[in-house]
Amino acid sequence: MSCQQTHEGAVAGILLAAGRSRRMGRPKQLLRLAGSDTVVETVAGRIRPLVDRLVVVVGHVGGQVASMLADLDITLAINDDVDRGMLSSVQVGVRAVDPTFCGYLICLGDQPSLRVPVIEAVLGGARQGAGIVIPTFHGKRGHPVFIHRRYRDHMLGLDPETTGLHTVTRGHADDTLEIGLDEAVILDDMDTPSDYARELERASEDVRG
């Protein structure tokens, strides 16, 4: 079944914003970029208009994230076991979505340079009928990724302490569409102060045009 624009073709975005930011030394979700928007506001604001529902998975700074996203139509889901790994946040997000939704656009909360055309390209792949859609840059896989609901039980049945989402995304080659894009940012996330400096520079360049 492809993801057409019907009720059961609806796509839910799952934004992973629950990490502890240990290498950053402070909550990276709350860091500000050019202007006044935080990292999580920037990412959520780009994703929300393109999906039918957006679930933001949060952890220990959930209250602050909630206040920053108060003007967006989102659903907050709390991961109380964030130390079990990123897959645990994916599972929290998937459980928060009605199982009749067509699938899930899984997005990293620390990719503020992610551009709308990338998201649109991945969603376009989902509408072609692929069960898993992954953007690539020079053959390397990045984010966001789309996963059809037919893999819902597979995702929820995994142990996040022993494996990751790659068990799903690398386990169904015959149902996977890779989309090559000239977008190096799909490989980037923001874990360290130097990563933050890079994103500040990118945001400043965008403002300058």
N, C-alpha and C. Protein backbone atom coordinates (compact mmCIF):
# COMPACT_ATOMS: atom_id res chain seq x y z
N MET A 1 0.84 -1.19 0.00
CA MET A 1 0.00 0.00 0.00
C MET A 1 0.87 1.24 0.00
N SER A 2 0.62 2.16 -0.93
CA SER A 2 1.38 3.40 -0.96
C SER A 2 0.72 4.43 -0.06
N CYS A 3 1.46 5.51 0.23
CA CYS A 3 0.94 6.57 1.10
C CYS A 3 0.28 7.64 0.25
N GLN A 4 -0.95 7.44 -0.11
CA GLN A 4 -1.70 8.46 -0.83
C GLN A 4 -2.37 9.38 0.19
N GLN A 5 -2.91 10.49 -0.31
CA GLN A 5 -3.48 11.49 0.59
C GLN A 5 -4.91 11.13 0.98
N THR A 6 -5.06 10.10 1.77
CA THR A 6 -6.33 9.72 2.36
C THR A 6 -6.09 9.63 3.86
N HIS A 7 -7.15 9.36 4.62
CA HIS A 7 -6.96 9.29 6.07
C HIS A 7 -5.92 8.24 6.42
N GLU A 8 -6.05 7.06 5.82
CA GLU A 8 -5.11 6.00 6.15
C GLU A 8 -3.77 6.20 5.45
N GLY A 9 -3.67 7.22 4.60
CA GLY A 9 -2.40 7.55 3.98
C GLY A 9 -1.66 8.63 4.74
N ALA A 10 -2.18 9.00 5.90
CA ALA A 10 -1.57 10.08 6.67
C ALA A 10 -0.20 9.67 7.20
N VAL A 11 0.71 10.61 7.20
CA VAL A 11 2.07 10.38 7.70
C VAL A 11 2.28 11.18 8.98
N ALA A 12 2.83 10.53 9.97
CA ALA A 12 3.17 11.20 11.23
C ALA A 12 4.67 11.45 11.28
N GLY A 13 5.04 12.67 11.61
CA GLY A 13 6.44 12.96 11.88
C GLY A 13 6.77 12.60 13.32
N ILE A 14 7.92 12.01 13.52
CA ILE A 14 8.40 11.72 14.87
C ILE A 14 9.74 12.44 15.02
N LEU A 15 9.74 13.47 15.85
CA LEU A 15 10.94 14.29 16.05
C LEU A 15 11.61 13.87 17.35
N LEU A 16 12.83 13.39 17.24
CA LEU A 16 13.56 12.85 18.39
C LEU A 16 14.33 13.97 19.08
N ALA A 17 13.82 14.40 20.24
CA ALA A 17 14.42 15.53 20.95
C ALA A 17 14.57 15.22 22.44
N ALA A 18 14.94 13.97 22.73
CA ALA A 18 15.00 13.53 24.12
C ALA A 18 16.41 13.31 24.65
N GLY A 19 17.41 13.51 23.82
CA GLY A 19 18.78 13.20 24.24
C GLY A 19 19.27 14.08 25.38
N ARG A 20 20.28 13.59 26.09
CA ARG A 20 20.82 14.32 27.25
C ARG A 20 21.92 15.32 26.88
N SER A 21 22.39 15.29 25.65
CA SER A 21 23.38 16.27 25.18
C SER A 21 24.65 16.27 26.02
N ARG A 22 25.12 15.10 26.39
CA ARG A 22 26.30 15.03 27.26
C ARG A 22 27.53 15.65 26.62
N ARG A 23 27.75 15.40 25.33
CA ARG A 23 28.95 15.94 24.68
C ARG A 23 28.84 17.45 24.46
N MET A 24 27.62 17.95 24.35
CA MET A 24 27.43 19.39 24.19
C MET A 24 27.65 20.12 25.51
N GLY A 25 27.29 19.45 26.62
CA GLY A 25 27.45 20.07 27.93
C GLY A 25 26.26 20.89 28.37
N ARG A 26 25.26 21.02 27.54
CA ARG A 26 24.01 21.73 27.84
C ARG A 26 22.96 21.24 26.86
N PRO A 27 21.68 21.42 27.17
CA PRO A 27 20.64 20.86 26.30
C PRO A 27 20.68 21.48 24.90
N LYS A 28 21.06 20.68 23.92
CA LYS A 28 21.21 21.23 22.56
C LYS A 28 19.87 21.60 21.94
N GLN A 29 18.78 20.98 22.42
CA GLN A 29 17.47 21.31 21.88
C GLN A 29 17.14 22.78 22.11
N LEU A 30 17.71 23.35 23.19
CA LEU A 30 17.34 24.70 23.62
C LEU A 30 18.32 25.77 23.15
N LEU A 31 19.37 25.37 22.45
CA LEU A 31 20.34 26.34 21.96
C LEU A 31 19.71 27.19 20.86
N ARG A 32 20.11 28.44 20.82
CA ARG A 32 19.52 29.37 19.85
C ARG A 32 20.42 29.51 18.62
N LEU A 33 19.76 29.72 17.50
CA LEU A 33 20.46 29.92 16.24
C LEU A 33 20.35 31.39 15.86
N ALA A 34 20.56 31.72 14.61
CA ALA A 34 20.40 33.11 14.18
C ALA A 34 18.96 33.55 14.43
N GLY A 35 18.78 34.75 14.94
CA GLY A 35 17.46 35.17 15.34
C GLY A 35 17.15 34.65 16.72
N SER A 36 15.90 34.32 16.98
CA SER A 36 15.51 33.93 18.33
C SER A 36 15.11 32.47 18.45
N ASP A 37 14.97 31.76 17.35
CA ASP A 37 14.49 30.38 17.42
C ASP A 37 15.56 29.44 17.97
N THR A 38 15.10 28.47 18.74
CA THR A 38 15.99 27.42 19.22
C THR A 38 16.11 26.33 18.16
N VAL A 39 17.02 25.40 18.43
CA VAL A 39 17.21 24.28 17.51
C VAL A 39 15.91 23.51 17.32
N VAL A 40 15.25 23.17 18.42
CA VAL A 40 14.04 22.35 18.31
C VAL A 40 12.91 23.11 17.63
N GLU A 41 12.82 24.42 17.86
CA GLU A 41 11.80 25.21 17.16
C GLU A 41 12.05 25.23 15.66
N THR A 42 13.31 25.37 15.29
CA THR A 42 13.66 25.42 13.87
C THR A 42 13.29 24.13 13.16
N VAL A 43 13.68 23.00 13.75
CA VAL A 43 13.41 21.72 13.11
C VAL A 43 11.91 21.43 13.07
N ALA A 44 11.24 21.61 14.20
CA ALA A 44 9.80 21.32 14.26
C ALA A 44 9.02 22.21 13.30
N GLY A 45 9.42 23.47 13.20
CA GLY A 45 8.72 24.39 12.32
C GLY A 45 8.81 24.01 10.86
N ARG A 46 9.90 23.37 10.47
CA ARG A 46 10.04 22.95 9.07
C ARG A 46 9.27 21.66 8.78
N ILE A 47 9.21 20.79 9.76
CA ILE A 47 8.55 19.50 9.55
C ILE A 47 7.03 19.61 9.61
N ARG A 48 6.53 20.39 10.59
CA ARG A 48 5.09 20.35 10.90
C ARG A 48 4.18 20.59 9.70
N PRO A 49 4.45 21.56 8.81
CA PRO A 49 3.52 21.78 7.70
C PRO A 49 3.48 20.64 6.68
N LEU A 50 4.44 19.74 6.74
CA LEU A 50 4.57 18.71 5.70
C LEU A 50 4.04 17.35 6.12
N VAL A 51 3.62 17.21 7.38
CA VAL A 51 3.10 15.94 7.88
C VAL A 51 1.71 16.16 8.45
N ASP A 52 0.99 15.07 8.63
CA ASP A 52 -0.38 15.17 9.14
C ASP A 52 -0.42 15.29 10.65
N ARG A 53 0.62 14.84 11.29
CA ARG A 53 0.72 14.97 12.74
C ARG A 53 2.20 14.96 13.08
N LEU A 54 2.58 15.72 14.12
CA LEU A 54 3.97 15.72 14.55
C LEU A 54 4.05 15.37 16.02
N VAL A 55 4.75 14.27 16.31
CA VAL A 55 5.01 13.86 17.68
C VAL A 55 6.45 14.25 18.01
N VAL A 56 6.62 15.02 19.07
CA VAL A 56 7.95 15.41 19.52
C VAL A 56 8.27 14.61 20.78
N VAL A 57 9.27 13.77 20.69
CA VAL A 57 9.66 12.92 21.82
C VAL A 57 10.69 13.67 22.65
N VAL A 58 10.37 13.87 23.92
CA VAL A 58 11.21 14.67 24.80
C VAL A 58 11.64 13.86 26.02
N GLY A 59 12.66 14.39 26.70
CA GLY A 59 13.16 13.75 27.91
C GLY A 59 13.18 14.71 29.06
N HIS A 60 14.37 14.94 29.63
CA HIS A 60 14.46 15.70 30.88
C HIS A 60 14.20 17.19 30.72
N VAL A 61 14.23 17.74 29.52
CA VAL A 61 13.90 19.15 29.33
C VAL A 61 12.56 19.29 28.61
N GLY A 62 11.70 18.32 28.80
CA GLY A 62 10.42 18.30 28.11
C GLY A 62 9.56 19.51 28.36
N GLY A 63 9.55 20.00 29.60
CA GLY A 63 8.73 21.16 29.92
C GLY A 63 9.16 22.39 29.15
N GLN A 64 10.46 22.60 29.03
CA GLN A 64 10.97 23.75 28.29
C GLN A 64 10.69 23.61 26.80
N VAL A 65 10.85 22.41 26.28
CA VAL A 65 10.55 22.18 24.87
C VAL A 65 9.07 22.44 24.60
N ALA A 66 8.21 21.98 25.50
CA ALA A 66 6.77 22.17 25.34
C ALA A 66 6.41 23.64 25.26
N SER A 67 7.01 24.46 26.13
CA SER A 67 6.70 25.89 26.11
C SER A 67 7.18 26.55 24.82
N MET A 68 8.30 26.09 24.29
CA MET A 68 8.83 26.68 23.06
C MET A 68 8.00 26.30 21.84
N LEU A 69 7.33 25.16 21.90
CA LEU A 69 6.55 24.69 20.76
C LEU A 69 5.05 24.89 20.96
N ALA A 70 4.70 25.74 21.91
CA ALA A 70 3.29 25.91 22.27
C ALA A 70 2.44 26.41 21.11
N ASP A 71 3.04 27.13 20.18
CA ASP A 71 2.27 27.68 19.06
C ASP A 71 2.13 26.71 17.89
N LEU A 72 2.78 25.56 17.98
CA LEU A 72 2.67 24.56 16.92
C LEU A 72 1.68 23.47 17.34
N ASP A 73 0.99 22.93 16.36
CA ASP A 73 0.05 21.83 16.62
C ASP A 73 0.84 20.53 16.66
N ILE A 74 1.33 20.20 17.85
CA ILE A 74 2.14 19.00 18.01
C ILE A 74 1.61 18.16 19.16
N THR A 75 2.13 16.94 19.24
CA THR A 75 1.88 16.06 20.37
C THR A 75 3.21 15.79 21.05
N LEU A 76 3.27 15.99 22.35
CA LEU A 76 4.49 15.67 23.10
C LEU A 76 4.39 14.25 23.64
N ALA A 77 5.47 13.51 23.53
CA ALA A 77 5.55 12.17 24.10
C ALA A 77 6.83 12.11 24.93
N ILE A 78 6.72 11.61 26.13
CA ILE A 78 7.85 11.63 27.06
C ILE A 78 8.54 10.27 27.09
N ASN A 79 9.85 10.29 26.91
CA ASN A 79 10.66 9.08 27.03
C ASN A 79 11.34 9.11 28.40
N ASP A 80 10.85 8.27 29.30
CA ASP A 80 11.43 8.20 30.64
C ASP A 80 12.67 7.32 30.69
N ASP A 81 12.98 6.64 29.60
CA ASP A 81 14.13 5.74 29.56
C ASP A 81 15.10 6.14 28.46
N VAL A 82 15.39 7.43 28.37
CA VAL A 82 16.20 7.93 27.27
C VAL A 82 17.59 7.31 27.24
N ASP A 83 18.09 6.89 28.40
CA ASP A 83 19.43 6.30 28.44
C ASP A 83 19.49 4.94 27.75
N ARG A 84 18.36 4.39 27.38
CA ARG A 84 18.35 3.11 26.66
C ARG A 84 18.69 3.28 25.18
N GLY A 85 18.81 4.51 24.72
CA GLY A 85 19.22 4.74 23.34
C GLY A 85 18.15 5.35 22.47
N MET A 86 18.56 5.78 21.27
CA MET A 86 17.67 6.49 20.36
C MET A 86 16.46 5.65 19.96
N LEU A 87 16.66 4.34 19.80
CA LEU A 87 15.54 3.49 19.41
C LEU A 87 14.41 3.57 20.43
N SER A 88 14.74 3.75 21.70
CA SER A 88 13.69 3.86 22.71
C SER A 88 12.82 5.08 22.45
N SER A 89 13.41 6.16 21.96
CA SER A 89 12.62 7.35 21.62
C SER A 89 11.77 7.12 20.38
N VAL A 90 12.32 6.40 19.41
CA VAL A 90 11.53 6.04 18.23
C VAL A 90 10.30 5.25 18.66
N GLN A 91 10.49 4.29 19.55
CA GLN A 91 9.38 3.46 20.01
C GLN A 91 8.33 4.28 20.75
N VAL A 92 8.76 5.22 21.58
CA VAL A 92 7.82 6.10 22.27
C VAL A 92 7.00 6.89 21.25
N GLY A 93 7.67 7.41 20.24
CA GLY A 93 6.96 8.17 19.22
C GLY A 93 5.99 7.33 18.42
N VAL A 94 6.39 6.15 18.04
CA VAL A 94 5.52 5.26 17.26
C VAL A 94 4.28 4.90 18.07
N ARG A 95 4.46 4.61 19.35
CA ARG A 95 3.31 4.25 20.20
C ARG A 95 2.33 5.41 20.34
N ALA A 96 2.80 6.64 20.17
CA ALA A 96 1.93 7.81 20.32
C ALA A 96 1.10 8.10 19.07
N VAL A 97 1.32 7.34 18.00
CA VAL A 97 0.64 7.57 16.73
C VAL A 97 -0.43 6.51 16.52
N ASP A 98 -1.61 6.95 16.09
CA ASP A 98 -2.69 6.01 15.76
C ASP A 98 -2.16 5.00 14.74
N PRO A 99 -2.37 3.71 14.98
CA PRO A 99 -1.82 2.69 14.07
C PRO A 99 -2.44 2.69 12.68
N THR A 100 -3.50 3.48 12.46
CA THR A 100 -4.05 3.57 11.11
C THR A 100 -3.25 4.52 10.23
N PHE A 101 -2.34 5.29 10.80
CA PHE A 101 -1.50 6.15 9.98
C PHE A 101 -0.66 5.30 9.04
N CYS A 102 -0.40 5.84 7.86
CA CYS A 102 0.35 5.10 6.84
C CYS A 102 1.77 4.79 7.28
N GLY A 103 2.42 5.75 7.94
CA GLY A 103 3.80 5.53 8.33
C GLY A 103 4.37 6.70 9.09
N TYR A 104 5.68 6.67 9.27
CA TYR A 104 6.36 7.59 10.18
C TYR A 104 7.56 8.22 9.48
N LEU A 105 7.65 9.54 9.58
CA LEU A 105 8.83 10.26 9.13
C LEU A 105 9.68 10.51 10.38
N ILE A 106 10.77 9.80 10.50
CA ILE A 106 11.58 9.85 11.71
C ILE A 106 12.71 10.86 11.51
N CYS A 107 12.70 11.89 12.35
CA CYS A 107 13.58 13.04 12.19
C CYS A 107 14.42 13.25 13.43
N LEU A 108 15.65 13.70 13.23
CA LEU A 108 16.53 14.02 14.35
C LEU A 108 16.25 15.44 14.83
N GLY A 109 16.23 15.61 16.14
CA GLY A 109 15.97 16.92 16.72
C GLY A 109 17.16 17.86 16.67
N ASP A 110 18.31 17.36 16.22
CA ASP A 110 19.51 18.20 16.19
C ASP A 110 20.04 18.36 14.76
N GLN A 111 19.11 18.53 13.82
CA GLN A 111 19.46 18.79 12.42
C GLN A 111 18.83 20.12 11.98
N PRO A 112 19.25 21.23 12.56
CA PRO A 112 18.60 22.50 12.24
C PRO A 112 18.82 22.98 10.81
N SER A 113 19.79 22.42 10.09
CA SER A 113 20.03 22.82 8.70
C SER A 113 19.21 21.99 7.71
N LEU A 114 18.42 21.05 8.22
CA LEU A 114 17.57 20.24 7.35
C LEU A 114 16.63 21.15 6.57
N ARG A 115 16.59 20.98 5.25
CA ARG A 115 15.79 21.85 4.40
C ARG A 115 14.51 21.15 3.95
N VAL A 116 13.50 21.97 3.71
CA VAL A 116 12.19 21.47 3.30
C VAL A 116 12.27 20.55 2.08
N PRO A 117 13.05 20.87 1.03
CA PRO A 117 13.10 19.97 -0.13
C PRO A 117 13.56 18.55 0.20
N VAL A 118 14.40 18.40 1.22
CA VAL A 118 14.82 17.06 1.63
C VAL A 118 13.62 16.29 2.18
N ILE A 119 12.87 16.94 3.06
CA ILE A 119 11.69 16.30 3.64
C ILE A 119 10.70 15.93 2.54
N GLU A 120 10.49 16.85 1.62
CA GLU A 120 9.55 16.60 0.52
C GLU A 120 10.01 15.44 -0.35
N ALA A 121 11.31 15.32 -0.55
CA ALA A 121 11.83 14.21 -1.37
C ALA A 121 11.57 12.86 -0.71
N VAL A 122 11.78 12.79 0.60
CA VAL A 122 11.54 11.54 1.32
C VAL A 122 10.05 11.19 1.31
N LEU A 123 9.20 12.18 1.56
CA LEU A 123 7.76 11.93 1.53
C LEU A 123 7.30 11.56 0.12
N GLY A 124 7.93 12.13 -0.89
CA GLY A 124 7.61 11.75 -2.26
C GLY A 124 7.93 10.29 -2.52
N GLY A 125 9.03 9.81 -1.98
CA GLY A 125 9.37 8.40 -2.09
C GLY A 125 8.34 7.51 -1.43
N ALA A 126 7.83 7.97 -0.29
CA ALA A 126 6.79 7.19 0.41
C ALA A 126 5.53 7.08 -0.44
N ARG A 127 5.19 8.14 -1.15
CA ARG A 127 3.99 8.10 -2.00
C ARG A 127 4.17 7.17 -3.19
N GLN A 128 5.40 6.83 -3.52
CA GLN A 128 5.65 5.87 -4.61
C GLN A 128 5.42 4.43 -4.17
N GLY A 129 5.27 4.21 -2.87
CA GLY A 129 4.95 2.88 -2.39
C GLY A 129 6.04 2.16 -1.63
N ALA A 130 7.22 2.77 -1.52
CA ALA A 130 8.31 2.12 -0.79
C ALA A 130 8.00 2.05 0.70
N GLY A 131 8.35 0.94 1.32
CA GLY A 131 8.11 0.78 2.75
C GLY A 131 9.12 1.51 3.61
N ILE A 132 10.32 1.70 3.08
CA ILE A 132 11.38 2.42 3.78
C ILE A 132 12.02 3.36 2.77
N VAL A 133 12.13 4.63 3.13
CA VAL A 133 12.73 5.63 2.25
C VAL A 133 13.84 6.34 3.00
N ILE A 134 15.03 6.36 2.39
CA ILE A 134 16.21 6.91 3.07
C ILE A 134 16.94 7.85 2.12
N PRO A 135 17.21 9.09 2.54
CA PRO A 135 18.01 9.98 1.70
C PRO A 135 19.48 9.62 1.80
N THR A 136 20.21 9.80 0.71
CA THR A 136 21.65 9.53 0.73
C THR A 136 22.41 10.71 0.14
N PHE A 137 23.66 10.83 0.56
CA PHE A 137 24.59 11.81 -0.01
C PHE A 137 25.87 11.07 -0.34
N HIS A 138 26.18 11.00 -1.63
CA HIS A 138 27.36 10.25 -2.10
C HIS A 138 27.36 8.82 -1.56
N GLY A 139 26.18 8.21 -1.53
CA GLY A 139 26.05 6.83 -1.11
C GLY A 139 25.91 6.60 0.38
N LYS A 140 26.05 7.65 1.18
CA LYS A 140 25.93 7.52 2.63
C LYS A 140 24.52 7.87 3.07
N ARG A 141 23.97 7.04 3.93
CA ARG A 141 22.60 7.23 4.38
C ARG A 141 22.50 8.31 5.45
N GLY A 142 21.40 9.07 5.39
CA GLY A 142 21.17 10.13 6.36
C GLY A 142 19.75 10.13 6.88
N HIS A 143 19.33 11.28 7.37
CA HIS A 143 17.98 11.48 7.93
C HIS A 143 17.36 12.73 7.31
N PRO A 144 16.01 12.76 7.32
CA PRO A 144 15.05 11.87 7.97
C PRO A 144 14.78 10.61 7.13
N VAL A 145 14.19 9.62 7.78
CA VAL A 145 13.81 8.40 7.08
C VAL A 145 12.31 8.16 7.25
N PHE A 146 11.72 7.56 6.23
CA PHE A 146 10.31 7.16 6.31
C PHE A 146 10.24 5.66 6.50
N ILE A 147 9.37 5.23 7.41
CA ILE A 147 9.13 3.81 7.63
C ILE A 147 7.62 3.56 7.65
N HIS A 148 7.17 2.66 6.79
CA HIS A 148 5.75 2.34 6.67
C HIS A 148 5.26 1.62 7.93
N ARG A 149 3.97 1.73 8.16
CA ARG A 149 3.40 1.11 9.36
C ARG A 149 3.50 -0.42 9.34
N ARG A 150 3.73 -1.02 8.17
CA ARG A 150 3.86 -2.47 8.17
C ARG A 150 5.08 -2.94 8.97
N TYR A 151 5.97 -2.01 9.29
CA TYR A 151 7.13 -2.34 10.13
C TYR A 151 6.96 -1.87 11.57
N ARG A 152 5.73 -1.47 11.90
CA ARG A 152 5.46 -0.97 13.26
C ARG A 152 5.79 -2.02 14.31
N ASP A 153 5.27 -3.21 14.14
CA ASP A 153 5.50 -4.26 15.14
C ASP A 153 6.98 -4.63 15.22
N HIS A 154 7.65 -4.61 14.09
CA HIS A 154 9.08 -4.90 14.08
C HIS A 154 9.82 -3.87 14.93
N MET A 155 9.53 -2.59 14.73
CA MET A 155 10.20 -1.54 15.51
C MET A 155 9.91 -1.68 17.00
N LEU A 156 8.65 -1.91 17.32
CA LEU A 156 8.27 -1.97 18.73
C LEU A 156 8.77 -3.23 19.42
N GLY A 157 9.07 -4.26 18.65
CA GLY A 157 9.54 -5.51 19.24
C GLY A 157 11.03 -5.58 19.50
N LEU A 158 11.77 -4.57 19.07
CA LEU A 158 13.22 -4.57 19.25
C LEU A 158 13.62 -4.14 20.65
N ASP A 159 14.76 -4.62 21.11
CA ASP A 159 15.31 -4.21 22.40
C ASP A 159 16.28 -3.06 22.16
N PRO A 160 15.96 -1.83 22.59
CA PRO A 160 16.82 -0.69 22.31
C PRO A 160 18.18 -0.75 22.99
N GLU A 161 18.33 -1.64 23.95
CA GLU A 161 19.62 -1.75 24.63
C GLU A 161 20.60 -2.64 23.86
N THR A 162 20.09 -3.38 22.89
CA THR A 162 20.97 -4.30 22.16
C THR A 162 21.01 -4.03 20.65
N THR A 163 20.12 -3.19 20.16
CA THR A 163 20.11 -2.92 18.72
C THR A 163 19.59 -1.52 18.47
N GLY A 164 19.49 -1.16 17.20
CA GLY A 164 19.02 0.17 16.83
C GLY A 164 18.06 0.09 15.66
N LEU A 165 17.66 1.26 15.18
CA LEU A 165 16.71 1.31 14.08
C LEU A 165 17.27 0.71 12.80
N HIS A 166 18.60 0.63 12.70
CA HIS A 166 19.22 0.04 11.51
C HIS A 166 18.79 -1.41 11.29
N THR A 167 18.35 -2.08 12.36
CA THR A 167 17.85 -3.44 12.20
C THR A 167 16.67 -3.46 11.23
N VAL A 168 15.86 -2.41 11.27
CA VAL A 168 14.74 -2.29 10.35
C VAL A 168 15.20 -1.73 9.01
N THR A 169 15.93 -0.62 9.04
CA THR A 169 16.25 0.07 7.79
C THR A 169 17.23 -0.70 6.91
N ARG A 170 17.99 -1.61 7.50
CA ARG A 170 18.92 -2.42 6.70
C ARG A 170 18.41 -3.85 6.48
N GLY A 171 17.22 -4.13 6.99
CA GLY A 171 16.74 -5.50 6.94
C GLY A 171 15.72 -5.80 5.86
N HIS A 172 15.39 -4.80 5.03
CA HIS A 172 14.33 -5.00 4.04
C HIS A 172 14.74 -4.35 2.72
N ALA A 173 15.82 -4.82 2.16
CA ALA A 173 16.39 -4.20 0.95
C ALA A 173 15.41 -4.16 -0.21
N ASP A 174 14.55 -5.19 -0.31
CA ASP A 174 13.62 -5.25 -1.43
C ASP A 174 12.46 -4.28 -1.29
N ASP A 175 12.35 -3.63 -0.15
CA ASP A 175 11.26 -2.68 0.11
C ASP A 175 11.81 -1.31 0.49
N THR A 176 13.07 -1.06 0.12
CA THR A 176 13.74 0.19 0.51
C THR A 176 14.08 1.01 -0.72
N LEU A 177 13.76 2.29 -0.64
CA LEU A 177 14.11 3.24 -1.69
C LEU A 177 15.13 4.23 -1.14
N GLU A 178 16.30 4.27 -1.74
CA GLU A 178 17.30 5.27 -1.40
C GLU A 178 17.20 6.42 -2.41
N ILE A 179 17.17 7.64 -1.90
CA ILE A 179 17.04 8.82 -2.75
C ILE A 179 18.33 9.63 -2.65
N GLY A 180 19.08 9.68 -3.73
CA GLY A 180 20.32 10.43 -3.74
C GLY A 180 20.06 11.92 -3.84
N LEU A 181 20.60 12.68 -2.90
CA LEU A 181 20.40 14.13 -2.84
C LEU A 181 21.74 14.84 -2.73
N ASP A 182 21.80 16.04 -3.26
CA ASP A 182 23.01 16.86 -3.13
C ASP A 182 22.88 17.70 -1.87
N GLU A 183 22.75 17.02 -0.74
CA GLU A 183 22.49 17.67 0.55
C GLU A 183 23.35 17.00 1.61
N ALA A 184 24.54 17.52 1.83
CA ALA A 184 25.43 16.94 2.84
C ALA A 184 24.85 17.01 4.24
N VAL A 185 23.94 17.96 4.48
CA VAL A 185 23.41 18.15 5.83
C VAL A 185 22.61 16.95 6.32
N ILE A 186 22.19 16.07 5.41
CA ILE A 186 21.43 14.90 5.87
C ILE A 186 22.30 13.97 6.70
N LEU A 187 23.63 14.13 6.60
CA LEU A 187 24.55 13.30 7.37
C LEU A 187 24.93 13.93 8.70
N ASP A 188 24.60 15.21 8.88
CA ASP A 188 25.06 15.96 10.05
C ASP A 188 24.06 15.90 11.18
N ASP A 189 24.57 15.85 12.39
CA ASP A 189 23.77 16.18 13.55
C ASP A 189 24.63 17.12 14.40
N MET A 190 24.15 17.45 15.59
CA MET A 190 24.79 18.49 16.38
C MET A 190 25.05 17.96 17.78
N ASP A 191 26.24 17.40 17.98
CA ASP A 191 26.56 16.75 19.26
C ASP A 191 27.54 17.53 20.12
N THR A 192 28.39 18.34 19.51
CA THR A 192 29.49 18.98 20.24
C THR A 192 29.45 20.50 20.05
N PRO A 193 30.19 21.25 20.87
CA PRO A 193 30.26 22.70 20.67
C PRO A 193 30.74 23.09 19.28
N SER A 194 31.65 22.33 18.70
CA SER A 194 32.10 22.66 17.34
C SER A 194 30.98 22.44 16.32
N ASP A 195 30.16 21.42 16.55
CA ASP A 195 28.99 21.22 15.68
C ASP A 195 28.04 22.41 15.78
N TYR A 196 27.85 22.90 17.00
CA TYR A 196 26.97 24.06 17.21
C TYR A 196 27.52 25.28 16.49
N ALA A 197 28.83 25.48 16.56
CA ALA A 197 29.45 26.61 15.85
C ALA A 197 29.20 26.51 14.34
N ARG A 198 29.28 25.29 13.82
CA ARG A 198 29.00 25.07 12.39
C ARG A 198 27.57 25.45 12.05
N GLU A 199 26.63 25.06 12.91
CA GLU A 199 25.22 25.36 12.64
C GLU A 199 24.93 26.84 12.78
N LEU A 200 25.60 27.51 13.71
CA LEU A 200 25.44 28.96 13.84
C LEU A 200 25.90 29.66 12.56
N GLU A 201 27.01 29.20 12.01
CA GLU A 201 27.51 29.79 10.77
C GLU A 201 26.55 29.55 9.62
N ARG A 202 26.02 28.34 9.54
CA ARG A 202 25.05 28.05 8.48
C ARG A 202 23.80 28.92 8.61
N ALA A 203 23.33 29.07 9.85
CA ALA A 203 22.13 29.89 10.08
C ALA A 203 22.40 31.34 9.72
N SER A 204 23.59 31.84 10.03
CA SER A 204 23.95 33.21 9.68
C SER A 204 24.00 33.40 8.17
N GLU A 205 24.52 32.40 7.47
CA GLU A 205 24.57 32.47 6.01
C GLU A 205 23.17 32.50 5.41
N ASP A 206 22.25 31.74 6.01
CA ASP A 206 20.87 31.74 5.53
C ASP A 206 20.23 33.11 5.71
N VAL A 207 20.51 33.74 6.86
CA VAL A 207 19.95 35.06 7.13
C VAL A 207 20.50 36.09 6.16
N ARG A 208 21.80 35.98 5.87
CA ARG A 208 22.43 36.93 4.94
C ARG A 208 21.98 36.70 3.50
N GLY A 209 21.46 35.47 3.26
CA GLY A 209 21.01 35.15 1.90
C GLY A 209 22.16 34.79 1.00
